[in-house]
Amino acid sequence: MSFLNKLISRPIHSITAAAALIAILSVASRFLGVVRDHILAGSFGAGTELDIYYAAFRVPDFLYNLLVLGALSAGFIPVFSEMIKRGVSEAGEKEKLLRLGSNVFNALLVLLCFVSLAGVIFARPLTALIVPGFGVEAQAQAVTLSRIMFLSPLFLGMSGVLGGILQSYKRFFIYSLSPIFYNFGIIIGALFLVPYFGLKGLAWGVVLGAAMHFAIQLPAIWRLGFRYRFYLNFKDRALRQIIGMMGPRTLSLAISQINLVAITALASSLDSGSLAIFNFANNLQSFPLGVFGVSFAVAAFPFLSENAYRTEELKARFSSTFRQILFFIMPASVLLITLRAQIIRVILGSGAFNWQDTIATMDTLGFFSLSLFAQATIPLLVRVFYARRDSWTPFYLGLASVVVNIVAALCLRPYLGVAGLALAFSIGSIVNFFGLWLWLYFRVGSLDVDKIFFSVLKFIVAAIGAGATVQCLKIIIWPFINMETFIGVFSQLMVAAIGGLLIYILICYLFKSEELASVLSVFKRRLPWRKVKLADQGEARGL
């Protein structure tokens, strides 16, 4: 079997290996996201046109997060994983899985059709509610774009069900490819459709990306033996169980999305381009979050679901994954804080994106970075609750953190502008993190706190060393380069970043970090020349 076939067909039973695969593909997806933002910033700058685009994107994205992610993350994957573990996938019994997959697919599609149609009809009042600070013409343009983008939740919803099946079977490769194609579709829209259709081209690019997100997963689902069936039964016990678990999760996501809607509304009344700056900075900080935080949480979820009520196994899985996330996110936070000006100039600083836009984005990104540790680990903490069939606790704690966020945003906006919205977001995220941690600690018991504490202490010392190295290298290299050119800024960024990362790894190595050893062991086991060596050893032993 070829290497590619193995990636597609074989399940991955190691959380670290699964997370590594998801992270690698997430890097590719996030890189395309960076290319996308570079094109958008260079073409439009941080101005009214991008504000309109991001405002129009908010309502369809709200719909997708509310209905699709709520159903799949809280209900479908735990129920489907449990059925697989019980042996339902054996010959003669797979029919139950086929029926459930088709039932969820069709039920979600019917729901999304009705809600999307309602969104198209009521796009005007919804847009007026979300961006009250926009003028009449800007709101009208946002309505047009929003109506086009209401097609995207239909494709993303169907794709979400396919992705849930693949995750449940621990087939992470194709699932992780889909966001790459989503960003690719948006880039096609920005490059080839905008010249002909204006801002509408961006909206059609989003729809194209969503369709590609769905289509790429079809062959992998076919290989698993799943075939579409027109089966819809709302009385089905498993579907009702999923819906029951979906409710609180949907409310949790609704709270999170309301938070983003509130921030969008507040940004619409600030200077032109504030909404674009907030989204640019949010996308930049989302790079490490998607690569490390979400990757590990997604990879761990099937394992957490299987061991949800085996306390010791659950603690061990949680602790190792939690520490692994922080091992990666600590240096990422340091690099974003110390090199944020260079990162922004390299990625966004071209064309219509001027120096004032850079300063505003730099301040906003700095405040976002303060809560990276919380944002990166919240997906894992929340999934522990979902694995134990508790969706209400994350909802209540999320509600409290959003209230804190909105109040902080109202207080900070007059003094810090759009950067104040990012600081308020960080404050709310940190409150949410500590609430989830403490509640889980008292519910499950000790979460291997001692081991986590000593690992985090090592990471902090290593991160301080990395930050100091970055600052020193920035000063050392500065006299030898021209900081007014792309090459100069890029050279300073790369030299300082690589130096900082090497110091971080060196300090973790000297501290004998288990997390570093775990990462190295995963890559060592998958080196092609190591496999050849092991095969030769097997021949020598007559195996």
Protein backbone atom coordinates (compact mmCIF):
# COMPACT_ATOMS: atom_id res chain seq x y z
CA MET A 1 0.00 0.00 0.00
CA SER A 2 1.46 3.39 -0.98
CA PHE A 3 2.21 6.06 1.61
CA LEU A 4 -0.69 8.21 0.37
CA ASN A 5 -3.11 5.29 0.55
CA LYS A 6 -2.01 4.62 4.11
CA LEU A 7 -2.70 8.23 5.07
CA ILE A 8 -6.17 8.07 3.52
CA SER A 9 -7.21 4.57 4.55
CA ARG A 10 -5.55 3.74 7.87
CA PRO A 11 -6.89 5.04 11.19
CA ILE A 12 -4.49 6.94 13.47
CA HIS A 13 -4.61 5.72 17.08
CA SER A 14 -2.05 8.11 18.60
CA ILE A 15 -3.27 11.56 19.65
CA THR A 16 0.17 13.10 19.06
CA ALA A 17 0.49 11.50 15.61
CA ALA A 18 -3.06 12.52 14.65
CA ALA A 19 -2.49 16.04 15.93
CA ALA A 20 0.83 16.23 14.05
CA LEU A 21 -0.90 15.28 10.79
CA ILE A 22 -3.74 17.74 11.37
CA ALA A 23 -1.25 20.44 12.37
CA ILE A 24 0.89 19.95 9.25
CA LEU A 25 -2.13 20.23 6.98
CA SER A 26 -3.44 23.10 9.10
CA VAL A 27 -0.18 24.94 8.42
CA ALA A 28 -0.88 24.58 4.70
CA SER A 29 -4.44 25.82 5.20
CA ARG A 30 -3.34 28.72 7.40
CA PHE A 31 -0.62 29.60 4.91
CA LEU A 32 -3.28 29.89 2.22
CA GLY A 33 -5.23 32.01 4.69
CA VAL A 34 -2.19 34.28 5.00
CA VAL A 35 -1.97 34.47 1.19
CA ARG A 36 -5.68 35.29 1.11
CA ASP A 37 -5.28 38.13 3.63
CA HIS A 38 -2.19 39.39 1.78
CA ILE A 39 -4.22 39.64 -1.42
CA LEU A 40 -7.15 41.31 0.33
CA ALA A 41 -4.96 43.80 2.21
CA GLY A 42 -2.95 44.66 -0.91
CA SER A 43 -6.06 45.07 -3.05
CA PHE A 44 -8.35 46.94 -0.67
CA GLY A 45 -6.29 48.08 2.35
CA ALA A 46 -7.94 48.40 5.73
CA GLY A 47 -10.92 50.39 4.52
CA THR A 48 -14.66 50.44 3.94
CA GLU A 49 -14.76 47.74 1.24
CA LEU A 50 -13.23 45.07 3.48
CA ASP A 51 -15.39 46.23 6.37
CA ILE A 52 -18.40 45.49 4.16
CA TYR A 53 -17.04 42.06 3.21
CA TYR A 54 -16.37 41.00 6.81
CA ALA A 55 -19.74 42.33 7.97
CA ALA A 56 -21.53 40.35 5.22
CA PHE A 57 -19.58 37.24 6.19
CA ARG A 58 -20.70 37.44 9.82
CA VAL A 59 -24.34 36.25 9.49
CA PRO A 60 -23.71 33.15 7.28
CA ASP A 61 -20.75 32.27 9.51
CA PHE A 62 -23.04 32.68 12.54
CA LEU A 63 -25.44 30.19 10.98
CA TYR A 64 -22.73 27.63 10.23
CA ASN A 65 -21.18 27.80 13.70
CA LEU A 66 -24.56 27.67 15.39
CA LEU A 67 -26.14 24.72 13.62
CA VAL A 68 -23.34 22.66 12.08
CA LEU A 69 -20.62 22.83 14.72
CA GLY A 70 -23.16 22.51 17.52
CA ALA A 71 -24.63 19.31 16.14
CA LEU A 72 -21.37 17.69 15.17
CA SER A 73 -18.97 18.56 17.98
CA ALA A 74 -21.38 18.05 20.86
CA GLY A 75 -23.53 15.19 19.60
CA PHE A 76 -22.71 13.43 16.37
CA ILE A 77 -19.05 12.49 16.95
CA PRO A 78 -19.54 11.16 20.53
CA VAL A 79 -22.61 9.11 19.53
CA PHE A 80 -21.04 7.84 16.30
CA SER A 81 -17.72 7.00 18.04
CA GLU A 82 -19.54 5.10 20.76
CA MET A 83 -21.47 3.07 18.19
CA ILE A 84 -18.22 2.19 16.42
CA LYS A 85 -16.58 1.14 19.68
CA ARG A 86 -19.55 -1.07 20.59
CA GLY A 87 -18.86 -3.06 17.44
CA VAL A 88 -21.69 -1.70 15.33
CA SER A 89 -19.25 -1.41 12.43
CA GLU A 90 -18.94 -5.20 12.17
CA ALA A 91 -20.38 -6.99 9.15
CA GLY A 92 -24.16 -7.07 9.21
CA GLU A 93 -24.34 -4.25 11.75
CA LYS A 94 -22.87 -1.42 9.68
CA GLU A 95 -26.36 -0.71 8.40
CA LYS A 96 -27.08 1.21 11.64
CA LEU A 97 -24.12 3.50 11.04
CA LEU A 98 -25.12 4.02 7.40
CA ARG A 99 -28.65 4.91 8.46
CA LEU A 100 -27.51 7.31 11.17
CA GLY A 101 -25.05 9.07 8.84
CA SER A 102 -27.70 9.57 6.16
CA ASN A 103 -30.31 10.63 8.71
CA VAL A 104 -28.07 13.31 10.24
CA PHE A 105 -26.96 14.46 6.77
CA ASN A 106 -30.53 14.88 5.51
CA ALA A 107 -31.92 16.39 8.70
CA LEU A 108 -29.14 19.00 8.83
CA LEU A 109 -29.53 19.79 5.12
CA VAL A 110 -33.29 20.37 5.46
CA LEU A 111 -32.73 22.63 8.48
CA LEU A 112 -29.99 24.62 6.73
CA CYS A 113 -32.15 25.11 3.62
CA PHE A 114 -34.94 26.67 5.68
CA VAL A 115 -32.63 28.84 7.76
CA SER A 116 -30.56 29.97 4.76
CA LEU A 117 -33.72 30.95 2.91
CA ALA A 118 -34.84 32.93 5.95
CA GLY A 119 -31.41 34.57 6.05
CA VAL A 120 -31.72 35.65 2.42
CA ILE A 121 -35.20 37.09 3.04
CA PHE A 122 -34.27 38.94 6.23
CA ALA A 123 -30.71 39.89 5.26
CA ARG A 124 -31.48 43.63 5.31
CA PRO A 125 -32.71 43.94 8.93
CA LEU A 126 -30.04 41.49 10.10
CA THR A 127 -27.31 43.59 8.50
CA ALA A 128 -28.71 46.78 10.00
CA LEU A 129 -28.60 45.10 13.42
CA ILE A 130 -25.02 43.88 13.02
CA VAL A 131 -23.44 47.05 11.60
CA PRO A 132 -25.52 50.01 12.83
CA GLY A 133 -22.54 52.32 12.26
CA PHE A 134 -22.49 51.72 8.48
CA GLY A 135 -24.01 54.19 6.04
CA VAL A 136 -26.99 53.30 3.84
CA GLU A 137 -24.90 52.42 0.78
CA ALA A 138 -22.44 50.28 2.77
CA GLN A 139 -25.31 48.39 4.40
CA ALA A 140 -26.91 47.75 1.00
CA GLN A 141 -23.67 46.28 -0.34
CA ALA A 142 -23.30 44.11 2.77
CA VAL A 143 -26.85 42.79 2.24
CA THR A 144 -26.05 41.75 -1.35
CA LEU A 145 -22.86 39.96 -0.34
CA SER A 146 -24.54 38.28 2.62
CA ARG A 147 -27.32 36.84 0.42
CA ILE A 148 -24.74 35.26 -1.89
CA MET A 149 -22.76 33.82 1.02
CA PHE A 150 -25.86 32.18 2.51
CA LEU A 151 -25.17 29.35 0.06
CA SER A 152 -21.96 28.46 1.87
CA PRO A 153 -23.54 26.99 5.06
CA LEU A 154 -25.33 24.40 2.91
CA PHE A 155 -22.05 23.02 1.55
CA LEU A 156 -20.22 23.38 4.88
CA GLY A 157 -23.07 21.60 6.67
CA MET A 158 -22.92 18.60 4.33
CA SER A 159 -19.13 18.64 4.58
CA GLY A 160 -19.34 18.77 8.37
CA VAL A 161 -21.28 15.48 8.52
CA LEU A 162 -18.72 13.79 6.27
CA GLY A 163 -15.91 15.19 8.41
CA GLY A 164 -17.61 13.93 11.57
CA ILE A 165 -17.73 10.40 10.14
CA LEU A 166 -14.06 10.57 9.13
CA GLN A 167 -13.03 11.83 12.58
CA SER A 168 -15.02 9.10 14.29
CA TYR A 169 -13.14 6.51 12.25
CA LYS A 170 -9.89 8.36 13.05
CA ARG A 171 -9.30 9.12 9.36
CA PHE A 172 -7.85 12.61 9.79
CA PHE A 173 -5.97 13.17 6.52
CA ILE A 174 -8.78 14.04 4.09
CA TYR A 175 -10.74 15.79 6.84
CA SER A 176 -7.72 18.06 7.39
CA LEU A 177 -7.38 18.79 3.67
CA SER A 178 -10.83 20.38 3.37
CA PRO A 179 -9.94 23.79 4.93
CA ILE A 180 -7.09 24.10 2.41
CA PHE A 181 -9.58 23.88 -0.45
CA TYR A 182 -11.90 26.31 1.33
CA ASN A 183 -9.19 28.98 1.44
CA PHE A 184 -8.17 28.13 -2.11
CA GLY A 185 -11.71 28.89 -3.29
CA ILE A 186 -11.67 32.30 -1.58
CA ILE A 187 -8.30 33.09 -3.17
CA ILE A 188 -9.73 32.20 -6.60
CA GLY A 189 -12.56 34.62 -5.90
CA ALA A 190 -10.17 37.40 -4.87
CA LEU A 191 -7.85 36.94 -7.86
CA PHE A 192 -10.17 36.03 -10.71
CA LEU A 193 -13.74 36.97 -9.77
CA VAL A 194 -13.23 40.38 -8.13
CA PRO A 195 -11.95 41.98 -11.37
CA TYR A 196 -15.26 41.08 -13.05
CA PHE A 197 -17.80 41.21 -10.21
CA GLY A 198 -16.21 43.58 -7.70
CA LEU A 199 -16.90 42.72 -4.04
CA LYS A 200 -19.46 40.14 -5.20
CA GLY A 201 -16.50 38.14 -6.48
CA LEU A 202 -15.29 37.70 -2.90
CA ALA A 203 -18.71 36.40 -1.88
CA TRP A 204 -18.79 33.90 -4.75
CA GLY A 205 -15.27 32.84 -3.79
CA VAL A 206 -16.55 31.94 -0.31
CA VAL A 207 -19.30 29.80 -1.89
CA LEU A 208 -16.77 28.11 -4.20
CA GLY A 209 -14.49 27.37 -1.25
CA ALA A 210 -17.36 25.84 0.72
CA ALA A 211 -18.27 23.61 -2.24
CA MET A 212 -14.65 22.44 -2.53
CA HIS A 213 -14.57 21.83 1.25
CA PHE A 214 -17.43 19.37 0.72
CA ALA A 215 -16.29 17.73 -2.50
CA ILE A 216 -12.79 16.77 -1.32
CA GLN A 217 -14.21 14.48 1.39
CA LEU A 218 -16.52 12.46 -0.87
CA PRO A 219 -13.91 9.91 -2.09
CA ALA A 220 -12.77 9.11 1.47
CA ILE A 221 -16.37 8.55 2.59
CA TRP A 222 -16.93 6.28 -0.42
CA ARG A 223 -13.86 4.21 0.55
CA LEU A 224 -15.31 3.71 4.04
CA GLY A 225 -18.35 2.10 2.41
CA PHE A 226 -20.83 4.90 3.07
CA ARG A 227 -23.43 5.57 0.39
CA TYR A 228 -26.01 8.34 0.40
CA ARG A 229 -29.55 7.28 1.24
CA PHE A 230 -32.65 9.38 1.18
CA TYR A 231 -33.50 8.46 4.76
CA LEU A 232 -35.04 10.98 7.15
CA ASN A 233 -36.50 9.90 10.48
CA PHE A 234 -36.77 12.51 13.23
CA LYS A 235 -38.00 9.82 15.64
CA ASP A 236 -34.73 7.90 15.39
CA ARG A 237 -33.31 7.36 18.88
CA ALA A 238 -29.70 8.22 17.97
CA LEU A 239 -30.76 11.38 16.13
CA ARG A 240 -32.82 12.49 19.11
CA GLN A 241 -29.83 11.84 21.36
CA ILE A 242 -27.65 14.01 19.11
CA ILE A 243 -30.26 16.78 19.07
CA GLY A 244 -30.52 16.63 22.86
CA MET A 245 -26.76 17.05 23.22
CA MET A 246 -26.71 19.68 20.49
CA GLY A 247 -28.98 22.10 22.34
CA PRO A 248 -26.59 23.38 25.01
CA ARG A 249 -23.66 23.33 22.57
CA THR A 250 -25.68 25.40 20.11
CA LEU A 251 -26.45 27.86 22.87
CA SER A 252 -22.74 27.99 23.77
CA LEU A 253 -21.85 28.72 20.17
CA ALA A 254 -24.68 31.24 19.98
CA ILE A 255 -23.14 33.08 22.92
CA SER A 256 -19.73 33.03 21.24
CA GLN A 257 -21.19 34.23 17.95
CA ILE A 258 -23.22 36.93 19.68
CA ASN A 259 -19.94 38.07 21.16
CA LEU A 260 -18.46 38.40 17.65
CA VAL A 261 -21.60 40.15 16.43
CA ALA A 262 -21.34 42.61 19.33
CA ILE A 263 -17.69 43.28 18.48
CA THR A 264 -18.64 43.77 14.81
CA ALA A 265 -21.33 46.26 15.83
CA LEU A 266 -18.89 48.16 18.07
CA ALA A 267 -16.22 48.18 15.35
CA SER A 268 -18.71 49.51 12.77
CA SER A 269 -18.95 52.78 14.71
CA LEU A 270 -15.16 53.24 14.92
CA ASP A 271 -12.88 54.62 12.20
CA SER A 272 -13.18 53.19 8.69
CA GLY A 273 -11.21 49.95 8.41
CA SER A 274 -11.53 49.02 12.11
CA LEU A 275 -13.50 45.88 11.34
CA ALA A 276 -10.93 44.83 8.72
CA ILE A 277 -8.06 45.45 11.18
CA PHE A 278 -9.80 43.39 13.88
CA ASN A 279 -10.27 40.50 11.43
CA PHE A 280 -6.71 40.70 10.07
CA ALA A 281 -5.26 40.58 13.61
CA ASN A 282 -7.67 37.81 14.61
CA ASN A 283 -6.69 35.75 11.55
CA LEU A 284 -2.98 36.15 12.36
CA GLN A 285 -3.38 35.00 15.95
CA SER A 286 -5.62 32.17 14.73
CA PHE A 287 -2.67 30.67 12.83
CA PRO A 288 -1.06 29.03 15.92
CA LEU A 289 -4.48 28.39 17.45
CA GLY A 290 -5.60 26.36 14.45
CA VAL A 291 -2.28 24.58 13.99
CA PHE A 292 -1.80 23.58 17.64
CA GLY A 293 -4.86 24.20 19.82
CA VAL A 294 -7.60 23.01 17.48
CA SER A 295 -5.47 20.24 15.93
CA PHE A 296 -4.80 18.57 19.26
CA ALA A 297 -8.38 19.06 20.47
CA VAL A 298 -9.80 17.52 17.27
CA ALA A 299 -7.34 14.62 17.40
CA ALA A 300 -8.04 13.98 21.10
CA PHE A 301 -11.84 14.13 20.92
CA PRO A 302 -12.51 10.54 19.73
CA PHE A 303 -10.08 9.26 22.40
CA LEU A 304 -11.69 11.39 25.10
CA SER A 305 -15.13 10.16 24.04
CA GLU A 306 -13.99 6.52 24.30
CA ASN A 307 -12.56 7.03 27.81
CA ALA A 308 -15.00 9.65 29.10
CA TYR A 309 -15.94 7.72 32.26
CA ARG A 310 -12.65 5.93 32.84
CA THR A 311 -11.26 8.58 35.13
CA GLU A 312 -7.59 7.62 35.11
CA GLU A 313 -7.44 7.15 31.34
CA LEU A 314 -9.30 10.42 30.84
CA LYS A 315 -6.90 12.32 33.09
CA ALA A 316 -3.87 10.83 31.35
CA ARG A 317 -5.20 11.69 27.88
CA PHE A 318 -6.20 15.18 28.96
CA SER A 319 -2.94 15.96 30.76
CA SER A 320 -0.66 14.84 27.94
CA THR A 321 -2.69 16.71 25.30
CA PHE A 322 -2.97 19.85 27.44
CA ARG A 323 0.80 19.94 28.01
CA GLN A 324 1.49 19.29 24.34
CA ILE A 325 -0.68 22.25 23.31
CA LEU A 326 1.10 24.59 25.72
CA PHE A 327 4.50 23.32 24.58
CA PHE A 328 3.74 24.73 21.12
CA ILE A 329 1.62 27.74 22.01
CA MET A 330 4.09 29.36 24.44
CA PRO A 331 6.80 30.08 21.82
CA ALA A 332 4.09 31.07 19.33
CA SER A 333 2.84 33.69 21.81
CA VAL A 334 6.35 35.05 22.33
CA LEU A 335 7.00 35.32 18.59
CA LEU A 336 3.67 37.05 17.93
CA ILE A 337 4.34 39.60 20.66
CA THR A 338 8.01 40.32 19.89
CA LEU A 339 7.80 40.15 16.09
CA ARG A 340 4.29 41.40 15.44
CA ALA A 341 5.44 44.47 13.49
CA GLN A 342 7.63 42.37 11.20
CA ILE A 343 4.92 39.73 10.74
CA ILE A 344 2.32 42.30 9.76
CA ARG A 345 4.61 44.14 7.34
CA VAL A 346 5.66 40.89 5.63
CA ILE A 347 2.14 39.44 5.37
CA LEU A 348 -0.06 42.49 4.91
CA GLY A 349 2.23 45.42 4.19
CA SER A 350 1.81 45.94 0.47
CA GLY A 351 -0.37 47.83 -1.96
CA ALA A 352 -3.16 49.75 -0.25
CA PHE A 353 -2.20 48.59 3.28
CA ASN A 354 -0.29 51.58 4.69
CA TRP A 355 1.82 52.25 7.81
CA GLN A 356 -1.14 53.52 9.87
CA ASP A 357 -2.97 50.27 9.13
CA THR A 358 0.16 48.40 10.26
CA ILE A 359 0.32 50.23 13.60
CA ALA A 360 -3.37 49.65 14.33
CA THR A 361 -3.11 45.94 13.41
CA MET A 362 0.09 45.58 15.43
CA ASP A 363 -1.54 46.97 18.60
CA THR A 364 -4.59 44.78 18.09
CA LEU A 365 -2.52 41.63 17.51
CA GLY A 366 -0.46 42.32 20.64
CA PHE A 367 -3.56 42.35 22.84
CA PHE A 368 -4.89 39.21 21.17
CA SER A 369 -1.62 37.40 21.88
CA LEU A 370 -1.97 37.85 25.63
CA SER A 371 -4.68 35.18 25.76
CA LEU A 372 -3.28 32.66 23.28
CA PHE A 373 -2.69 30.11 26.06
CA ALA A 374 -6.36 30.31 27.03
CA GLN A 375 -7.75 30.32 23.50
CA ALA A 376 -5.58 27.34 22.53
CA THR A 377 -6.64 25.12 25.44
CA ILE A 378 -10.34 26.04 25.65
CA PRO A 379 -11.26 23.71 22.70
CA LEU A 380 -9.70 20.78 24.60
CA LEU A 381 -11.34 21.69 27.92
CA VAL A 382 -14.73 22.03 26.27
CA ARG A 383 -14.39 18.67 24.53
CA VAL A 384 -13.80 16.94 27.85
CA PHE A 385 -17.22 18.18 28.96
CA TYR A 386 -18.79 17.07 25.66
CA ALA A 387 -17.17 13.64 25.91
CA ARG A 388 -18.87 13.27 29.31
CA ARG A 389 -22.22 14.33 27.80
CA ASP A 390 -22.20 17.68 29.64
CA SER A 391 -22.92 20.52 27.25
CA TRP A 392 -24.57 22.89 29.73
CA THR A 393 -21.54 23.75 31.86
CA PRO A 394 -19.51 25.18 28.94
CA PHE A 395 -22.61 27.17 27.99
CA TYR A 396 -23.00 28.85 31.38
CA LEU A 397 -19.29 29.57 31.69
CA GLY A 398 -19.15 30.84 28.12
CA LEU A 399 -22.10 33.14 28.82
CA ALA A 400 -20.32 34.63 31.82
CA SER A 401 -17.12 35.20 29.84
CA VAL A 402 -19.00 36.90 26.99
CA VAL A 403 -20.67 39.29 29.42
CA VAL A 404 -17.20 40.14 30.74
CA ASN A 405 -15.96 40.59 27.16
CA ILE A 406 -18.74 42.94 26.07
CA VAL A 407 -18.54 45.04 29.24
CA ALA A 408 -14.75 45.30 28.88
CA ALA A 409 -15.14 46.24 25.19
CA LEU A 410 -17.55 49.03 26.03
CA CYS A 411 -15.13 50.35 28.65
CA LEU A 412 -11.94 50.06 26.59
CA ARG A 413 -13.20 51.14 23.16
CA PRO A 414 -13.19 54.89 23.88
CA TYR A 415 -9.53 54.76 24.98
CA LEU A 416 -7.92 52.11 22.77
CA GLY A 417 -10.20 51.95 19.74
CA VAL A 418 -10.15 48.64 17.86
CA ALA A 419 -7.20 47.45 19.98
CA GLY A 420 -9.47 47.76 23.01
CA LEU A 421 -11.84 45.24 21.43
CA ALA A 422 -8.96 42.75 21.17
CA LEU A 423 -7.95 43.34 24.80
CA ALA A 424 -11.55 42.79 25.89
CA PHE A 425 -11.63 39.57 23.85
CA SER A 426 -8.49 38.36 25.65
CA ILE A 427 -9.93 39.19 29.06
CA GLY A 428 -13.09 37.22 28.26
CA SER A 429 -11.06 34.25 26.97
CA ILE A 430 -8.94 34.10 30.12
CA VAL A 431 -12.06 34.23 32.31
CA ASN A 432 -13.57 31.39 30.27
CA PHE A 433 -10.39 29.31 30.56
CA PHE A 434 -10.18 29.53 34.35
CA GLY A 435 -13.88 28.86 34.72
CA LEU A 436 -13.68 25.68 32.61
CA TRP A 437 -10.49 24.52 34.34
CA LEU A 438 -11.78 24.97 37.88
CA TRP A 439 -15.14 23.37 37.12
CA LEU A 440 -13.48 20.38 35.49
CA TYR A 441 -11.01 20.09 38.36
CA PHE A 442 -13.79 19.83 40.93
CA ARG A 443 -15.92 17.57 38.71
CA VAL A 444 -13.29 15.02 37.65
CA GLY A 445 -10.75 15.46 40.41
CA SER A 446 -7.04 16.14 40.09
CA LEU A 447 -6.12 16.77 36.46
CA ASP A 448 -2.50 15.75 36.93
CA VAL A 449 -1.91 19.31 38.10
CA ASP A 450 1.59 18.72 39.48
CA LYS A 451 2.87 17.39 36.16
CA ILE A 452 1.16 20.18 34.22
CA PHE A 453 2.57 22.81 36.60
CA PHE A 454 6.19 21.68 36.25
CA SER A 455 5.86 21.38 32.47
CA VAL A 456 4.39 24.87 32.23
CA LEU A 457 7.19 26.21 34.42
CA LYS A 458 9.74 24.78 31.96
CA PHE A 459 7.84 26.31 29.04
CA ILE A 460 7.77 29.74 30.70
CA VAL A 461 11.53 29.75 31.36
CA ALA A 462 12.18 28.57 27.80
CA ALA A 463 9.78 31.21 26.41
CA ILE A 464 11.52 34.00 28.36
CA GLY A 465 14.84 32.83 26.94
CA ALA A 466 13.36 32.75 23.45
CA GLY A 467 11.90 36.25 23.82
CA ALA A 468 15.20 37.69 25.03
CA THR A 469 16.99 36.02 22.11
CA VAL A 470 14.53 37.46 19.61
CA GLN A 471 14.97 40.97 20.95
CA CYS A 472 18.77 40.69 20.88
CA LEU A 473 18.84 39.30 17.34
CA LYS A 474 16.54 42.07 16.10
CA ILE A 475 19.04 44.64 17.34
CA ILE A 476 22.11 42.73 16.11
CA ILE A 477 20.86 42.25 12.55
CA TRP A 478 19.31 45.72 12.17
CA PRO A 479 22.50 47.61 11.06
CA PHE A 480 23.14 45.07 8.26
CA ILE A 481 19.78 45.25 6.49
CA ASN A 482 17.50 47.82 4.92
CA MET A 483 14.29 47.82 6.98
CA GLU A 484 12.49 49.81 4.28
CA THR A 485 12.46 46.80 1.94
CA PHE A 486 10.54 43.53 2.06
CA ILE A 487 13.78 41.51 2.02
CA GLY A 488 15.15 43.46 4.97
CA VAL A 489 12.04 43.04 7.14
CA PHE A 490 11.72 39.38 6.15
CA SER A 491 15.39 38.71 6.97
CA GLN A 492 15.06 40.25 10.42
CA LEU A 493 11.87 38.26 11.02
CA MET A 494 13.35 34.91 9.99
CA VAL A 495 16.71 35.28 11.78
CA ALA A 496 15.09 36.42 15.03
CA ALA A 497 12.30 33.81 14.87
CA ILE A 498 14.62 30.89 14.10
CA GLY A 499 17.07 31.97 16.81
CA GLY A 500 14.28 32.29 19.36
CA LEU A 501 12.82 28.88 18.49
CA LEU A 502 16.22 27.18 18.71
CA ILE A 503 16.79 28.63 22.18
CA TYR A 504 13.31 27.52 23.24
CA ILE A 505 13.96 23.96 22.03
CA LEU A 506 17.43 23.93 23.62
CA ILE A 507 16.13 24.99 27.03
CA CYS A 508 13.29 22.43 26.85
CA TYR A 509 15.88 19.79 25.92
CA LEU A 510 18.09 20.74 28.88
CA PHE A 511 15.03 20.51 31.13
CA LYS A 512 14.29 17.05 29.66
CA SER A 513 10.83 18.08 28.53
CA GLU A 514 8.57 15.06 27.99
CA GLU A 515 6.58 17.03 25.44
CA LEU A 516 9.65 17.71 23.28
CA ALA A 517 10.63 14.05 23.51
CA SER A 518 7.11 13.01 22.48
CA VAL A 519 7.19 15.24 19.39
CA LEU A 520 10.64 14.00 18.39
CA SER A 521 9.62 10.37 18.82
CA VAL A 522 6.61 10.81 16.52
CA PHE A 523 8.79 12.20 13.73
CA LYS A 524 11.52 9.61 14.29
CA ARG A 525 9.04 6.76 13.90
CA ARG A 526 7.88 8.19 10.59
CA LEU A 527 11.25 8.90 9.00
CA PRO A 528 11.51 6.76 5.84
CA TRP A 529 15.17 5.84 6.40
CA ARG A 530 14.37 4.73 9.96
CA LYS A 531 11.73 2.35 8.60
CA VAL A 532 14.25 0.88 6.17
CA LYS A 533 16.73 0.37 9.00
CA LEU A 534 14.12 -1.39 11.13
CA ALA A 535 13.18 -3.61 8.19
CA ASP A 536 16.82 -4.57 7.72
CA GLN A 537 17.07 -5.46 11.39
CA GLY A 538 14.02 -7.66 11.02
CA GLU A 539 15.62 -9.53 8.11
CA ALA A 540 18.82 -10.06 10.11
CA ARG A 541 16.79 -11.69 12.87
CA GLY A 542 14.98 -13.91 10.41
CA LEU A 543 11.67 -12.09 10.94
